[in-house]
Amino acid sequence: MSNTRTERIAQQIQRDLAELLRKEVKDPRVGMVTLTGVEVSRDHSHATVYYTVLGSEQEKESIAEGLKRASGFLHSQLFHRLKLRVVPQLHFVYDESVERGAYLSRLIDEAVGDDK
């Protein structure tokens, strides 16, 4: 049962964070961030937030810094939105799976193109 509860908490955190990033965070660095998933620890004290962006390495670093700086504000906003005794500390991690998928897709397209 707690596993289902943890999953529901993770989903709610992802929805609320997406809305907060879109509407409340004024830092222009975090404007084009897509949240790809949230994992909450079993004791609900930590949440790993996976995100992705399109851009250069320098832009990715800038966005990572912007998310790190906004994490305190986001945590406090989640505290007001979620009906939990303990709101998890947020840890933002860049999700490379989208880039890796696009790269593999390009490789497959090139391989199929070479066969023709």
N, C-alpha and C. Protein backbone atom coordinates (compact mmCIF):
# COMPACT_ATOMS: atom_id res chain seq x y z
N MET A 1 0.82 -1.19 0.00
CA MET A 1 0.00 0.00 0.00
C MET A 1 0.87 1.27 0.00
N SER A 2 1.93 1.26 0.78
CA SER A 2 2.77 2.45 0.83
C SER A 2 3.45 2.72 -0.51
N ASN A 3 3.70 1.65 -1.29
CA ASN A 3 4.31 1.83 -2.60
C ASN A 3 3.35 2.61 -3.51
N THR A 4 2.09 2.29 -3.47
CA THR A 4 1.10 3.01 -4.27
C THR A 4 1.00 4.45 -3.79
N ARG A 5 1.04 4.65 -2.50
CA ARG A 5 0.98 6.01 -1.95
C ARG A 5 2.20 6.82 -2.39
N THR A 6 3.36 6.20 -2.36
CA THR A 6 4.58 6.88 -2.79
C THR A 6 4.49 7.26 -4.26
N GLU A 7 3.95 6.37 -5.08
CA GLU A 7 3.77 6.68 -6.51
C GLU A 7 2.80 7.84 -6.72
N ARG A 8 1.73 7.86 -5.96
CA ARG A 8 0.76 8.96 -6.07
C ARG A 8 1.39 10.28 -5.64
N ILE A 9 2.19 10.24 -4.59
CA ILE A 9 2.88 11.45 -4.13
C ILE A 9 3.83 11.93 -5.22
N ALA A 10 4.58 11.01 -5.83
CA ALA A 10 5.52 11.38 -6.90
C ALA A 10 4.79 12.01 -8.07
N GLN A 11 3.66 11.44 -8.46
CA GLN A 11 2.88 11.99 -9.58
C GLN A 11 2.35 13.38 -9.25
N GLN A 12 1.88 13.57 -8.02
CA GLN A 12 1.36 14.87 -7.62
C GLN A 12 2.47 15.91 -7.57
N ILE A 13 3.63 15.52 -7.08
CA ILE A 13 4.77 16.43 -7.05
C ILE A 13 5.14 16.84 -8.47
N GLN A 14 5.15 15.89 -9.39
CA GLN A 14 5.50 16.21 -10.78
C GLN A 14 4.49 17.20 -11.37
N ARG A 15 3.20 16.97 -11.15
CA ARG A 15 2.17 17.89 -11.67
C ARG A 15 2.32 19.28 -11.06
N ASP A 16 2.50 19.34 -9.74
CA ASP A 16 2.61 20.64 -9.07
C ASP A 16 3.89 21.37 -9.47
N LEU A 17 4.99 20.65 -9.58
CA LEU A 17 6.24 21.30 -9.98
C LEU A 17 6.15 21.84 -11.41
N ALA A 18 5.53 21.08 -12.30
CA ALA A 18 5.38 21.55 -13.68
C ALA A 18 4.59 22.85 -13.72
N GLU A 19 3.53 22.91 -12.93
CA GLU A 19 2.73 24.13 -12.88
C GLU A 19 3.51 25.28 -12.23
N LEU A 20 4.22 25.00 -11.16
CA LEU A 20 5.01 26.04 -10.50
C LEU A 20 6.10 26.58 -11.41
N LEU A 21 6.78 25.68 -12.13
CA LEU A 21 7.84 26.13 -13.04
C LEU A 21 7.26 26.99 -14.15
N ARG A 22 6.08 26.65 -14.61
CA ARG A 22 5.46 27.38 -15.71
C ARG A 22 4.90 28.73 -15.25
N LYS A 23 4.32 28.78 -14.05
CA LYS A 23 3.58 29.98 -13.65
C LYS A 23 4.26 30.84 -12.58
N GLU A 24 5.02 30.23 -11.69
CA GLU A 24 5.49 30.96 -10.51
C GLU A 24 6.97 31.32 -10.52
N VAL A 25 7.80 30.48 -11.08
CA VAL A 25 9.24 30.73 -11.05
C VAL A 25 9.57 31.81 -12.07
N LYS A 26 10.19 32.87 -11.61
CA LYS A 26 10.49 34.02 -12.47
C LYS A 26 11.85 33.94 -13.15
N ASP A 27 12.65 32.96 -12.79
CA ASP A 27 13.98 32.81 -13.36
C ASP A 27 13.86 32.38 -14.83
N PRO A 28 14.33 33.19 -15.76
CA PRO A 28 14.18 32.83 -17.18
C PRO A 28 14.97 31.59 -17.60
N ARG A 29 15.92 31.19 -16.79
CA ARG A 29 16.72 30.01 -17.13
C ARG A 29 15.90 28.72 -17.12
N VAL A 30 14.85 28.68 -16.33
CA VAL A 30 14.08 27.44 -16.18
C VAL A 30 12.78 27.47 -16.98
N GLY A 31 12.70 28.30 -17.98
CA GLY A 31 11.47 28.43 -18.74
C GLY A 31 11.14 27.24 -19.62
N MET A 32 12.12 26.60 -20.19
CA MET A 32 11.87 25.52 -21.16
C MET A 32 12.26 24.15 -20.61
N VAL A 33 11.92 23.87 -19.37
CA VAL A 33 12.24 22.60 -18.73
C VAL A 33 11.04 21.67 -18.85
N THR A 34 11.31 20.42 -19.18
CA THR A 34 10.28 19.39 -19.20
C THR A 34 10.60 18.37 -18.12
N LEU A 35 9.67 18.15 -17.21
CA LEU A 35 9.85 17.16 -16.16
C LEU A 35 9.47 15.79 -16.71
N THR A 36 10.39 14.84 -16.60
CA THR A 36 10.14 13.51 -17.16
C THR A 36 9.77 12.48 -16.11
N GLY A 37 9.98 12.78 -14.85
CA GLY A 37 9.61 11.84 -13.80
C GLY A 37 10.07 12.30 -12.44
N VAL A 38 9.47 11.71 -11.42
CA VAL A 38 9.83 11.99 -10.03
C VAL A 38 9.87 10.67 -9.29
N GLU A 39 10.92 10.46 -8.52
CA GLU A 39 11.03 9.30 -7.65
C GLU A 39 11.14 9.79 -6.22
N VAL A 40 10.26 9.28 -5.36
CA VAL A 40 10.25 9.67 -3.95
C VAL A 40 10.80 8.53 -3.13
N SER A 41 11.66 8.86 -2.18
CA SER A 41 12.22 7.83 -1.30
C SER A 41 11.11 7.21 -0.46
N ARG A 42 11.39 6.04 0.07
CA ARG A 42 10.38 5.30 0.82
C ARG A 42 9.89 6.08 2.04
N ASP A 43 10.78 6.83 2.68
CA ASP A 43 10.39 7.61 3.86
C ASP A 43 9.88 9.01 3.50
N HIS A 44 9.76 9.29 2.22
CA HIS A 44 9.23 10.55 1.69
C HIS A 44 10.07 11.77 2.07
N SER A 45 11.33 11.57 2.40
CA SER A 45 12.17 12.70 2.78
C SER A 45 12.92 13.32 1.60
N HIS A 46 13.05 12.56 0.51
CA HIS A 46 13.78 13.05 -0.67
C HIS A 46 13.01 12.70 -1.93
N ALA A 47 13.06 13.61 -2.89
CA ALA A 47 12.46 13.36 -4.19
C ALA A 47 13.48 13.70 -5.27
N THR A 48 13.73 12.75 -6.15
CA THR A 48 14.60 12.99 -7.29
C THR A 48 13.71 13.38 -8.46
N VAL A 49 13.94 14.58 -8.99
CA VAL A 49 13.13 15.11 -10.07
C VAL A 49 13.96 15.05 -11.35
N TYR A 50 13.51 14.27 -12.31
CA TYR A 50 14.21 14.13 -13.58
C TYR A 50 13.64 15.13 -14.58
N TYR A 51 14.52 15.81 -15.28
CA TYR A 51 14.09 16.82 -16.24
C TYR A 51 14.94 16.73 -17.50
N THR A 52 14.42 17.32 -18.56
CA THR A 52 15.16 17.39 -19.80
C THR A 52 14.94 18.75 -20.45
N VAL A 53 15.89 19.16 -21.26
CA VAL A 53 15.81 20.43 -21.98
C VAL A 53 16.47 20.24 -23.34
N LEU A 54 16.12 21.08 -24.26
CA LEU A 54 16.79 21.10 -25.55
C LEU A 54 17.71 22.30 -25.56
N GLY A 55 18.96 22.07 -25.88
CA GLY A 55 19.90 23.18 -25.91
C GLY A 55 21.33 22.70 -25.82
N SER A 56 22.23 23.67 -25.79
CA SER A 56 23.66 23.37 -25.71
C SER A 56 24.04 22.97 -24.29
N GLU A 57 25.25 22.49 -24.14
CA GLU A 57 25.75 22.10 -22.82
C GLU A 57 25.76 23.30 -21.86
N GLN A 58 26.11 24.47 -22.39
CA GLN A 58 26.14 25.67 -21.56
C GLN A 58 24.73 26.02 -21.07
N GLU A 59 23.74 25.89 -21.93
CA GLU A 59 22.35 26.16 -21.54
C GLU A 59 21.88 25.14 -20.50
N LYS A 60 22.28 23.89 -20.66
CA LYS A 60 21.91 22.85 -19.69
C LYS A 60 22.50 23.16 -18.32
N GLU A 61 23.74 23.61 -18.29
CA GLU A 61 24.36 23.96 -17.01
C GLU A 61 23.66 25.15 -16.37
N SER A 62 23.29 26.13 -17.19
CA SER A 62 22.58 27.30 -16.70
C SER A 62 21.23 26.92 -16.11
N ILE A 63 20.53 26.02 -16.79
CA ILE A 63 19.23 25.57 -16.31
C ILE A 63 19.38 24.78 -15.02
N ALA A 64 20.41 23.94 -14.94
CA ALA A 64 20.66 23.17 -13.72
C ALA A 64 20.89 24.11 -12.54
N GLU A 65 21.64 25.18 -12.76
CA GLU A 65 21.88 26.16 -11.70
C GLU A 65 20.58 26.87 -11.33
N GLY A 66 19.77 27.21 -12.32
CA GLY A 66 18.48 27.85 -12.05
C GLY A 66 17.55 26.97 -11.23
N LEU A 67 17.51 25.68 -11.54
CA LEU A 67 16.68 24.75 -10.78
C LEU A 67 17.19 24.59 -9.36
N LYS A 68 18.51 24.55 -9.22
CA LYS A 68 19.10 24.43 -7.88
C LYS A 68 18.74 25.65 -7.03
N ARG A 69 18.82 26.82 -7.64
CA ARG A 69 18.49 28.04 -6.89
C ARG A 69 17.02 28.14 -6.57
N ALA A 70 16.16 27.58 -7.43
CA ALA A 70 14.71 27.65 -7.22
C ALA A 70 14.19 26.54 -6.31
N SER A 71 15.02 25.57 -5.96
CA SER A 71 14.54 24.41 -5.22
C SER A 71 13.95 24.78 -3.86
N GLY A 72 14.51 25.75 -3.17
CA GLY A 72 13.96 26.18 -1.88
C GLY A 72 12.57 26.78 -2.03
N PHE A 73 12.40 27.64 -3.03
CA PHE A 73 11.09 28.23 -3.31
C PHE A 73 10.09 27.13 -3.69
N LEU A 74 10.51 26.21 -4.55
CA LEU A 74 9.62 25.14 -4.99
C LEU A 74 9.22 24.25 -3.81
N HIS A 75 10.17 23.96 -2.93
CA HIS A 75 9.88 23.15 -1.75
C HIS A 75 8.84 23.84 -0.87
N SER A 76 9.01 25.12 -0.64
CA SER A 76 8.05 25.83 0.21
C SER A 76 6.66 25.89 -0.43
N GLN A 77 6.61 26.03 -1.76
CA GLN A 77 5.31 26.05 -2.45
C GLN A 77 4.64 24.67 -2.38
N LEU A 78 5.43 23.62 -2.51
CA LEU A 78 4.88 22.27 -2.39
C LEU A 78 4.35 22.02 -0.98
N PHE A 79 5.02 22.58 0.01
CA PHE A 79 4.57 22.44 1.39
C PHE A 79 3.15 22.97 1.55
N HIS A 80 2.84 24.09 0.88
CA HIS A 80 1.51 24.67 0.97
C HIS A 80 0.48 23.91 0.14
N ARG A 81 0.92 23.26 -0.94
CA ARG A 81 -0.01 22.57 -1.83
C ARG A 81 -0.31 21.14 -1.41
N LEU A 82 0.69 20.44 -0.92
CA LEU A 82 0.52 19.03 -0.57
C LEU A 82 0.04 18.90 0.86
N LYS A 83 -0.77 17.92 1.08
CA LYS A 83 -1.29 17.68 2.43
C LYS A 83 -0.46 16.59 3.10
N LEU A 84 0.84 16.89 3.26
CA LEU A 84 1.76 15.93 3.85
C LEU A 84 2.43 16.54 5.07
N ARG A 85 2.77 15.69 6.02
CA ARG A 85 3.52 16.16 7.16
C ARG A 85 4.94 16.52 6.77
N VAL A 86 5.53 15.69 5.91
CA VAL A 86 6.90 15.89 5.45
C VAL A 86 6.88 16.05 3.93
N VAL A 87 7.35 17.18 3.46
CA VAL A 87 7.48 17.40 2.02
C VAL A 87 8.93 17.08 1.66
N PRO A 88 9.12 16.22 0.65
CA PRO A 88 10.49 15.79 0.31
C PRO A 88 11.38 16.93 -0.15
N GLN A 89 12.67 16.81 0.18
CA GLN A 89 13.67 17.71 -0.36
C GLN A 89 13.83 17.37 -1.84
N LEU A 90 13.97 18.39 -2.67
CA LEU A 90 14.03 18.18 -4.11
C LEU A 90 15.47 18.10 -4.60
N HIS A 91 15.73 17.11 -5.43
CA HIS A 91 17.03 16.93 -6.06
C HIS A 91 16.79 16.81 -7.56
N PHE A 92 17.29 17.76 -8.33
CA PHE A 92 17.07 17.78 -9.77
C PHE A 92 18.20 17.05 -10.48
N VAL A 93 17.83 16.14 -11.39
CA VAL A 93 18.80 15.33 -12.14
C VAL A 93 18.42 15.41 -13.62
N TYR A 94 19.42 15.72 -14.45
CA TYR A 94 19.18 15.79 -15.89
C TYR A 94 18.93 14.39 -16.44
N ASP A 95 17.86 14.23 -17.20
CA ASP A 95 17.47 12.95 -17.78
C ASP A 95 17.97 12.87 -19.22
N GLU A 96 18.92 12.00 -19.45
CA GLU A 96 19.53 11.88 -20.78
C GLU A 96 18.78 10.92 -21.69
N SER A 97 17.72 10.30 -21.22
CA SER A 97 17.05 9.27 -22.00
C SER A 97 16.44 9.82 -23.29
N VAL A 98 15.96 11.05 -23.29
CA VAL A 98 15.38 11.64 -24.50
C VAL A 98 16.47 11.83 -25.56
N GLU A 99 17.60 12.37 -25.16
CA GLU A 99 18.71 12.54 -26.09
C GLU A 99 19.22 11.20 -26.60
N ARG A 100 19.33 10.24 -25.70
CA ARG A 100 19.81 8.92 -26.09
C ARG A 100 18.85 8.27 -27.08
N GLY A 101 17.55 8.43 -26.86
CA GLY A 101 16.54 7.89 -27.77
C GLY A 101 16.63 8.54 -29.14
N ALA A 102 16.81 9.84 -29.19
CA ALA A 102 16.92 10.54 -30.47
C ALA A 102 18.18 10.10 -31.20
N TYR A 103 19.27 9.91 -30.47
CA TYR A 103 20.52 9.46 -31.07
C TYR A 103 20.36 8.06 -31.67
N LEU A 104 19.74 7.15 -30.92
CA LEU A 104 19.53 5.80 -31.42
C LEU A 104 18.60 5.80 -32.62
N SER A 105 17.60 6.65 -32.61
CA SER A 105 16.69 6.76 -33.74
C SER A 105 17.44 7.22 -35.00
N ARG A 106 18.34 8.19 -34.83
CA ARG A 106 19.15 8.65 -35.97
C ARG A 106 20.03 7.53 -36.50
N LEU A 107 20.63 6.76 -35.59
CA LEU A 107 21.47 5.64 -36.02
C LEU A 107 20.66 4.61 -36.81
N ILE A 108 19.48 4.31 -36.35
CA ILE A 108 18.62 3.35 -37.06
C ILE A 108 18.24 3.90 -38.43
N ASP A 109 17.87 5.17 -38.48
CA ASP A 109 17.51 5.78 -39.77
C ASP A 109 18.68 5.74 -40.74
N GLU A 110 19.89 6.01 -40.25
CA GLU A 110 21.07 5.96 -41.10
C GLU A 110 21.34 4.55 -41.59
N ALA A 111 21.18 3.56 -40.72
CA ALA A 111 21.41 2.16 -41.09
C ALA A 111 20.40 1.71 -42.14
N VAL A 112 19.15 2.08 -41.95
CA VAL A 112 18.10 1.73 -42.92
C VAL A 112 18.35 2.46 -44.23
N GLY A 113 18.79 3.71 -44.16
CA GLY A 113 19.08 4.48 -45.37
C GLY A 113 20.24 3.89 -46.14
N ASP A 114 21.24 3.33 -45.46
CA ASP A 114 22.40 2.73 -46.12
C ASP A 114 22.00 1.43 -46.83
N ASP A 115 20.99 0.72 -46.31
CA ASP A 115 20.55 -0.54 -46.92
C ASP A 115 19.83 -0.32 -48.24
N LYS A 116 19.25 0.84 -48.44
CA LYS A 116 18.46 1.10 -49.66
C LYS A 116 19.31 1.42 -50.79
